[in-house]
Amino acid sequence: MSDKVEYTPKTADGGVDLYIKKGQSNAAVQCKRYKTRVAAGHMREFVGAMYDKGYEEGFFIATKGVTEPAMKLGSRLIQIQ
């Protein structure tokens, strides 16, 4: 079983920073290093990109956290850290 990490371009990444493939599992990862909490629009873009590419799992990582609307949107669908 081989693990693979695919990085997206630094700009215009479509809402995903990297894709992880481990065996039969696929996950999308988005990292945000902002001075404020991340709004729901970023979460919506990430979730849309994740499903557009057919990834079952997603990890949204934000240094300052996410807003309440972003948390509600994401908590139904992905792990938020």
Protein backbone atom coordinates (compact mmCIF):
# COMPACT_ATOMS: atom_id res chain seq x y z
CA MET A 1 0.00 0.00 0.00
CA SER A 2 1.47 3.35 -1.04
CA ASP A 3 0.77 6.79 0.39
CA LYS A 4 0.78 9.80 -1.90
CA VAL A 5 0.59 13.54 -1.21
CA GLU A 6 -0.25 15.89 -4.08
CA TYR A 7 0.33 19.60 -3.48
CA THR A 8 -1.77 22.16 -5.32
CA PRO A 9 -0.40 25.46 -6.73
CA LYS A 10 0.37 28.16 -4.14
CA THR A 11 -2.24 30.45 -5.72
CA ALA A 12 -5.54 29.65 -7.40
CA ASP A 13 -5.62 26.25 -5.70
CA GLY A 14 -9.40 25.95 -5.93
CA GLY A 15 -9.82 25.80 -2.16
CA VAL A 16 -7.55 22.83 -1.43
CA ASP A 17 -3.86 22.94 -0.43
CA LEU A 18 -3.09 19.25 -0.79
CA TYR A 19 -4.61 15.87 -1.47
CA ILE A 20 -3.66 12.74 0.43
CA LYS A 21 -4.15 9.25 -0.95
CA LYS A 22 -3.60 6.36 1.46
CA GLY A 23 -4.62 2.98 0.15
CA GLN A 24 -8.28 3.27 -0.79
CA SER A 25 -8.81 6.45 1.27
CA ASN A 26 -8.62 9.95 -0.18
CA ALA A 27 -8.56 13.21 1.80
CA ALA A 28 -8.34 16.89 0.93
CA VAL A 29 -6.58 19.37 3.21
CA GLN A 30 -6.92 23.15 3.45
CA CYS A 31 -4.69 25.23 5.76
CA LYS A 32 -5.39 28.86 6.60
CA ARG A 33 -2.88 31.07 8.41
CA TYR A 34 -4.96 34.19 9.02
CA LYS A 35 -4.91 36.82 11.77
CA THR A 36 -8.67 36.38 12.23
CA ARG A 37 -11.08 33.46 12.18
CA VAL A 38 -11.92 32.00 8.79
CA ALA A 39 -15.38 32.75 7.38
CA ALA A 40 -17.92 30.31 5.97
CA GLY A 41 -17.09 31.23 2.35
CA HIS A 42 -13.69 29.56 2.63
CA MET A 43 -15.26 26.47 4.17
CA ARG A 44 -17.89 26.36 1.42
CA GLU A 45 -15.18 26.62 -1.27
CA PHE A 46 -13.20 23.82 0.39
CA VAL A 47 -16.14 21.46 0.76
CA GLY A 48 -17.20 22.11 -2.84
CA ALA A 49 -13.69 21.43 -4.14
CA MET A 50 -13.44 18.31 -2.00
CA TYR A 51 -16.63 16.81 -3.38
CA ASP A 52 -15.88 18.00 -6.92
CA LYS A 53 -12.69 15.91 -6.84
CA GLY A 54 -14.47 12.96 -5.20
CA TYR A 55 -12.68 13.02 -1.85
CA GLU A 56 -14.51 11.39 1.05
CA GLU A 57 -12.54 13.08 3.84
CA GLY A 58 -11.47 16.65 4.41
CA PHE A 59 -9.34 18.45 6.96
CA PHE A 60 -9.68 22.23 7.35
CA ILE A 61 -6.90 23.65 9.51
CA ALA A 62 -7.01 27.30 10.62
CA THR A 63 -4.51 28.93 13.01
CA LYS A 64 -7.13 31.29 14.49
CA GLY A 65 -10.10 28.98 14.11
CA VAL A 66 -13.28 29.46 12.10
CA THR A 67 -16.43 31.54 12.55
CA GLU A 68 -19.60 29.99 13.96
CA PRO A 69 -21.27 29.74 10.52
CA ALA A 70 -18.15 28.07 9.10
CA MET A 71 -18.10 25.65 12.02
CA LYS A 72 -21.76 24.71 11.50
CA LEU A 73 -21.23 24.16 7.79
CA GLY A 74 -18.04 22.17 8.17
CA SER A 75 -18.93 20.11 11.23
CA ARG A 76 -21.65 18.32 9.29
CA LEU A 77 -19.23 17.28 6.58
CA ILE A 78 -15.55 17.26 7.65
CA GLN A 79 -13.14 17.35 10.58
CA ILE A 80 -12.26 20.88 11.67
CA GLN A 81 -9.01 21.54 13.52
